[in-house]
Amino acid sequence: MLRALDHRLNEFIEDVRDAQDIDRLKDRLAHALSGIGFDWFGYVGLDRPLGSSAPSSELMGVPCVSINVGPPEWVDRYFEQAYWDEDPMMLESLRTTLPFRWNKMLEEETLSLRGRQILREAAECGLHDGFTVPVLDHGGKIGLLSVSSKEPRDDLDSPLTSSVHAVHLLSIYFHAAVQGLVVNSQNPLPKSILRPREVECLQWTARGKTAWEISMILKVSERTVNFHLGNAMRKLGVYNKTHAVAKMLVTGVAAL
């Protein structure tokens, strides 16, 4: 199972690196998700000012990127009614960076009547359960990938299950690819943005090596490795090593 997931993820990384348009990205993500049992997905890209103290609902605005593979009646209704302003999943994504399951939200006493109505209408259109993965990058841009299956699943309760973990990784690469095409198309990253040592540290990170293991391989201190990784994350405008690897690959700055 894990080997199949690794193959699916590696295949997706290769595909999105060469994708020239959003339709191609959407097709490749649909293919990758279908292989792990998810039939529908929705992605939205949002801009949120870092450090803003405004309420979540005031930060939402109209999604600047929207990509959907799901029940047409739900997609149409969602945008016709401007549900994003009060969508519990959208609002929750501004409060957490961890994947969260939809049906757990129905158990929250603080969920508004409008929020319950939106979740109920989604279920009536076939979106009974699923989960959402928020991805936040250094520039304040938020990507939300929501996935759902036509049939009930009992393996979505923990973020440590293989299915949730796989979707989490796919969401990071997909968000980086979308931002590369849509947001940064007029300002592509130069291949020289990273120093050779920074690229090397990210390449070993992509192979699953820890900072300490990389320090042993490169014969430098662990502190030096973390210094290079920190510089790479800052230059690429991301918050973590996984996102840095994803952005390095999908933007073509360097390969593995």
Protein backbone atom coordinates (compact mmCIF):
# COMPACT_ATOMS: atom_id res chain seq x y z
CA MET A 1 0.00 0.00 0.00
CA LEU A 2 2.72 2.48 1.03
CA ARG A 3 4.82 1.61 -2.01
CA ALA A 4 1.82 2.23 -4.27
CA LEU A 5 1.24 5.61 -2.60
CA ASP A 6 4.89 6.55 -3.05
CA HIS A 7 4.68 5.64 -6.74
CA ARG A 8 1.49 7.67 -7.14
CA LEU A 9 3.09 10.70 -5.46
CA ASN A 10 6.29 10.48 -7.50
CA GLU A 11 4.24 10.18 -10.69
CA PHE A 12 2.24 13.26 -9.70
CA ILE A 13 5.40 15.29 -8.99
CA GLU A 14 6.76 14.46 -12.44
CA ASP A 15 3.45 15.34 -14.07
CA VAL A 16 2.91 18.71 -12.38
CA ARG A 17 6.48 19.79 -13.03
CA ASP A 18 5.76 19.68 -16.76
CA ALA A 19 2.18 21.02 -16.58
CA GLN A 20 1.70 24.18 -18.62
CA ASP A 21 -1.88 25.00 -17.67
CA ILE A 22 -4.48 24.58 -14.92
CA ASP A 23 -6.49 21.98 -16.84
CA ARG A 24 -3.48 19.69 -17.00
CA LEU A 25 -2.87 20.14 -13.27
CA LYS A 26 -6.51 19.35 -12.54
CA ASP A 27 -6.43 16.18 -14.63
CA ARG A 28 -3.26 14.92 -12.97
CA LEU A 29 -4.57 15.59 -9.47
CA ALA A 30 -7.85 13.83 -10.29
CA HIS A 31 -5.84 10.84 -11.51
CA ALA A 32 -3.67 10.76 -8.39
CA LEU A 33 -6.63 11.07 -6.02
CA SER A 34 -8.67 8.41 -7.81
CA GLY A 35 -5.83 5.98 -7.17
CA ILE A 36 -6.28 6.37 -3.42
CA GLY A 37 -10.06 6.26 -3.46
CA PHE A 38 -11.19 9.89 -3.73
CA ASP A 39 -13.72 10.76 -6.43
CA TRP A 40 -14.14 14.52 -5.99
CA PHE A 41 -11.98 17.43 -5.00
CA GLY A 42 -12.08 21.19 -4.80
CA TYR A 43 -9.18 23.62 -4.54
CA VAL A 44 -9.36 27.31 -3.77
CA GLY A 45 -6.55 29.83 -3.54
CA LEU A 46 -6.94 32.82 -1.23
CA ASP A 47 -4.89 35.87 -0.33
CA ARG A 48 -4.70 36.63 3.36
CA PRO A 49 -2.55 39.49 4.72
CA LEU A 50 -0.06 38.10 7.22
CA GLY A 51 -0.50 39.44 10.74
CA SER A 52 -3.94 40.84 10.04
CA SER A 53 -6.23 41.11 13.06
CA ALA A 54 -9.41 41.28 10.99
CA PRO A 55 -12.06 38.60 11.61
CA SER A 56 -11.77 35.51 9.42
CA SER A 57 -14.94 36.37 7.51
CA GLU A 58 -13.52 39.76 6.53
CA LEU A 59 -10.32 38.17 5.23
CA MET A 60 -12.04 35.72 2.94
CA GLY A 61 -13.04 37.73 -0.10
CA VAL A 62 -13.74 36.01 -3.40
CA PRO A 63 -11.42 33.04 -4.04
CA CYS A 64 -8.74 34.15 -6.50
CA VAL A 65 -8.31 30.59 -7.84
CA SER A 66 -10.99 27.89 -7.92
CA ILE A 67 -10.59 24.39 -9.37
CA ASN A 68 -13.36 21.85 -8.89
CA VAL A 69 -14.11 18.24 -9.78
CA GLY A 70 -17.39 17.44 -8.07
CA PRO A 71 -21.18 17.35 -8.35
CA PRO A 72 -22.03 20.17 -10.81
CA GLU A 73 -25.19 21.13 -8.92
CA TRP A 74 -23.16 21.75 -5.77
CA VAL A 75 -20.40 23.70 -7.52
CA ASP A 76 -22.99 25.93 -9.23
CA ARG A 77 -24.96 26.52 -6.05
CA TYR A 78 -21.83 27.23 -4.01
CA PHE A 79 -20.73 30.11 -6.22
CA GLU A 80 -24.22 31.41 -7.01
CA GLN A 81 -24.91 31.75 -3.28
CA ALA A 82 -21.38 33.00 -2.42
CA TYR A 83 -21.14 30.33 0.26
CA TRP A 84 -17.41 30.89 0.76
CA ASP A 85 -18.10 33.78 3.16
CA GLU A 86 -19.72 31.45 5.70
CA ASP A 87 -18.43 28.04 4.63
CA PRO A 88 -17.30 26.30 7.86
CA MET A 89 -14.47 24.58 6.00
CA MET A 90 -13.13 27.87 4.64
CA LEU A 91 -13.35 29.54 8.05
CA GLU A 92 -11.71 26.60 9.82
CA SER A 93 -8.81 26.73 7.37
CA LEU A 94 -7.97 30.21 8.66
CA ARG A 95 -7.60 28.81 12.17
CA THR A 96 -5.53 25.68 11.56
CA THR A 97 -2.80 24.30 9.33
CA LEU A 98 -3.77 20.67 9.97
CA PRO A 99 -6.10 18.50 7.87
CA PHE A 100 -9.61 18.36 9.31
CA ARG A 101 -12.59 16.10 8.65
CA TRP A 102 -15.94 17.62 7.72
CA ASN A 103 -18.27 15.50 9.84
CA LYS A 104 -16.33 16.45 12.97
CA MET A 105 -17.40 20.05 12.41
CA LEU A 106 -21.06 19.09 12.85
CA GLU A 107 -20.23 18.10 16.43
CA GLU A 108 -19.00 21.60 17.30
CA GLU A 109 -21.44 23.65 19.38
CA THR A 110 -20.04 26.89 17.93
CA LEU A 111 -21.04 25.96 14.37
CA SER A 112 -23.50 28.58 13.09
CA LEU A 113 -26.93 27.76 11.70
CA ARG A 114 -25.76 29.00 8.31
CA GLY A 115 -22.72 26.75 8.53
CA ARG A 116 -24.88 23.73 9.34
CA GLN A 117 -27.12 24.57 6.41
CA ILE A 118 -24.15 24.69 4.02
CA LEU A 119 -22.84 21.31 5.22
CA ARG A 120 -26.34 19.82 5.00
CA GLU A 121 -26.82 21.06 1.43
CA ALA A 122 -23.40 19.69 0.47
CA ALA A 123 -24.43 16.28 1.82
CA GLU A 124 -27.69 16.43 -0.16
CA CYS A 125 -25.60 16.89 -3.32
CA GLY A 126 -23.51 13.82 -2.51
CA LEU A 127 -20.66 15.33 -0.47
CA HIS A 128 -21.42 13.40 2.71
CA ASP A 129 -17.95 13.33 4.19
CA GLY A 130 -14.35 14.14 3.39
CA PHE A 131 -11.58 16.35 4.67
CA THR A 132 -9.78 19.58 3.89
CA VAL A 133 -6.05 20.33 3.89
CA PRO A 134 -4.96 23.97 4.34
CA VAL A 135 -1.60 25.03 2.87
CA LEU A 136 -0.16 28.40 3.88
CA ASP A 137 2.85 29.87 2.11
CA HIS A 138 5.19 32.64 3.19
CA GLY A 139 3.47 35.32 1.13
CA GLY A 140 0.16 34.89 2.96
CA LYS A 141 -1.46 32.89 0.16
CA ILE A 142 -3.65 30.03 1.32
CA GLY A 143 -4.47 26.94 -0.67
CA LEU A 144 -7.31 24.65 0.42
CA LEU A 145 -7.67 21.18 -1.02
CA SER A 146 -10.88 19.35 -0.08
CA VAL A 147 -11.42 15.73 -1.09
CA SER A 148 -14.41 13.43 -0.88
CA SER A 149 -15.46 9.89 -1.78
CA LYS A 150 -18.81 8.69 -3.07
CA GLU A 151 -18.75 5.91 -0.49
CA PRO A 152 -18.24 6.35 3.30
CA ARG A 153 -14.69 5.81 4.57
CA ASP A 154 -13.47 4.91 8.03
CA ASP A 155 -9.80 5.78 7.53
CA LEU A 156 -9.98 9.58 7.71
CA ASP A 157 -10.12 10.20 11.45
CA SER A 158 -6.38 10.60 12.00
CA PRO A 159 -3.94 12.79 10.05
CA LEU A 160 -1.46 9.91 10.43
CA THR A 161 -3.34 7.45 8.21
CA SER A 162 -1.73 6.76 4.85
CA SER A 163 -4.63 8.22 2.84
CA VAL A 164 -4.69 11.52 4.73
CA HIS A 165 -0.90 11.76 4.66
CA ALA A 166 -0.86 11.17 0.89
CA VAL A 167 -3.47 13.86 0.25
CA HIS A 168 -1.55 16.25 2.52
CA LEU A 169 1.57 15.81 0.38
CA LEU A 170 -0.40 16.09 -2.86
CA SER A 171 -1.96 19.34 -1.63
CA ILE A 172 1.45 20.91 -0.98
CA TYR A 173 2.73 20.08 -4.47
CA PHE A 174 -0.55 21.08 -6.12
CA HIS A 175 -0.67 24.44 -4.31
CA ALA A 176 2.93 25.18 -5.29
CA ALA A 177 2.19 24.28 -8.91
CA VAL A 178 -0.96 26.42 -9.07
CA GLN A 179 0.80 29.41 -7.54
CA GLY A 180 3.65 28.91 -9.99
CA LEU A 181 1.25 29.05 -12.94
CA VAL A 182 -1.29 31.61 -11.78
CA VAL A 183 0.30 33.94 -9.27
CA ASN A 184 3.96 33.91 -10.24
CA SER A 185 3.61 33.54 -14.01
CA GLN A 186 4.85 37.08 -14.61
CA ASN A 187 7.71 36.73 -12.13
CA PRO A 188 9.24 33.26 -12.62
CA LEU A 189 11.84 32.14 -10.12
CA PRO A 190 15.37 32.25 -11.57
CA LYS A 191 17.19 28.93 -11.49
CA SER A 192 20.03 30.67 -9.66
CA ILE A 193 17.82 31.67 -6.71
CA LEU A 194 19.24 28.84 -4.59
CA ARG A 195 22.90 28.25 -3.85
CA PRO A 196 24.24 24.77 -4.69
CA ARG A 197 24.42 23.77 -1.02
CA GLU A 198 20.81 24.83 -0.46
CA VAL A 199 19.71 22.72 -3.42
CA GLU A 200 21.73 19.78 -2.14
CA CYS A 201 20.12 19.97 1.32
CA LEU A 202 16.63 20.08 -0.22
CA GLN A 203 17.43 17.15 -2.49
CA TRP A 204 18.45 15.03 0.48
CA THR A 205 15.38 16.22 2.37
CA ALA A 206 13.23 15.01 -0.52
CA ARG A 207 14.81 11.57 -0.06
CA GLY A 208 13.62 11.49 3.55
CA LYS A 209 16.87 12.42 5.27
CA THR A 210 16.85 14.40 8.53
CA ALA A 211 19.07 17.43 9.08
CA TRP A 212 21.41 15.30 11.17
CA GLU A 213 21.63 12.60 8.48
CA ILE A 214 22.32 15.25 5.83
CA SER A 215 25.08 16.69 8.01
CA MET A 216 26.73 13.26 8.13
CA ILE A 217 26.44 12.86 4.35
CA LEU A 218 27.79 16.33 3.56
CA LYS A 219 30.31 16.26 6.42
CA VAL A 220 29.12 19.55 7.88
CA SER A 221 27.40 20.41 11.16
CA GLU A 222 23.67 19.93 11.66
CA ARG A 223 23.47 23.66 12.38
CA THR A 224 24.94 24.38 8.94
CA VAL A 225 22.36 22.13 7.27
CA ASN A 226 19.52 23.90 9.09
CA PHE A 227 21.04 27.23 8.07
CA HIS A 228 20.96 26.23 4.38
CA LEU A 229 17.43 24.84 4.66
CA GLY A 230 16.26 28.02 6.39
CA ASN A 231 17.77 30.15 3.63
CA ALA A 232 16.11 27.99 0.97
CA MET A 233 12.70 28.29 2.62
CA ARG A 234 13.06 32.06 2.90
CA LYS A 235 14.09 32.47 -0.74
CA LEU A 236 11.26 30.24 -1.97
CA GLY A 237 8.72 31.98 0.26
CA VAL A 238 7.53 28.92 2.18
CA TYR A 239 7.21 27.86 5.81
CA ASN A 240 8.49 24.28 5.86
CA LYS A 241 10.94 21.91 4.20
CA THR A 242 8.30 19.82 2.44
CA HIS A 243 6.80 22.89 0.79
CA ALA A 244 10.31 24.08 -0.13
CA VAL A 245 11.05 20.79 -1.90
CA ALA A 246 7.70 20.97 -3.70
CA LYS A 247 8.25 24.53 -4.89
CA MET A 248 11.82 23.81 -5.98
CA LEU A 249 10.61 20.90 -8.12
CA VAL A 250 7.42 22.26 -9.65
CA THR A 251 8.97 25.62 -10.55
CA GLY A 252 11.97 23.95 -12.16
CA VAL A 253 14.52 25.67 -9.92
CA ALA A 254 16.23 22.29 -9.45
CA ALA A 255 15.53 18.58 -9.90
CA LEU A 256 16.17 15.56 -7.69
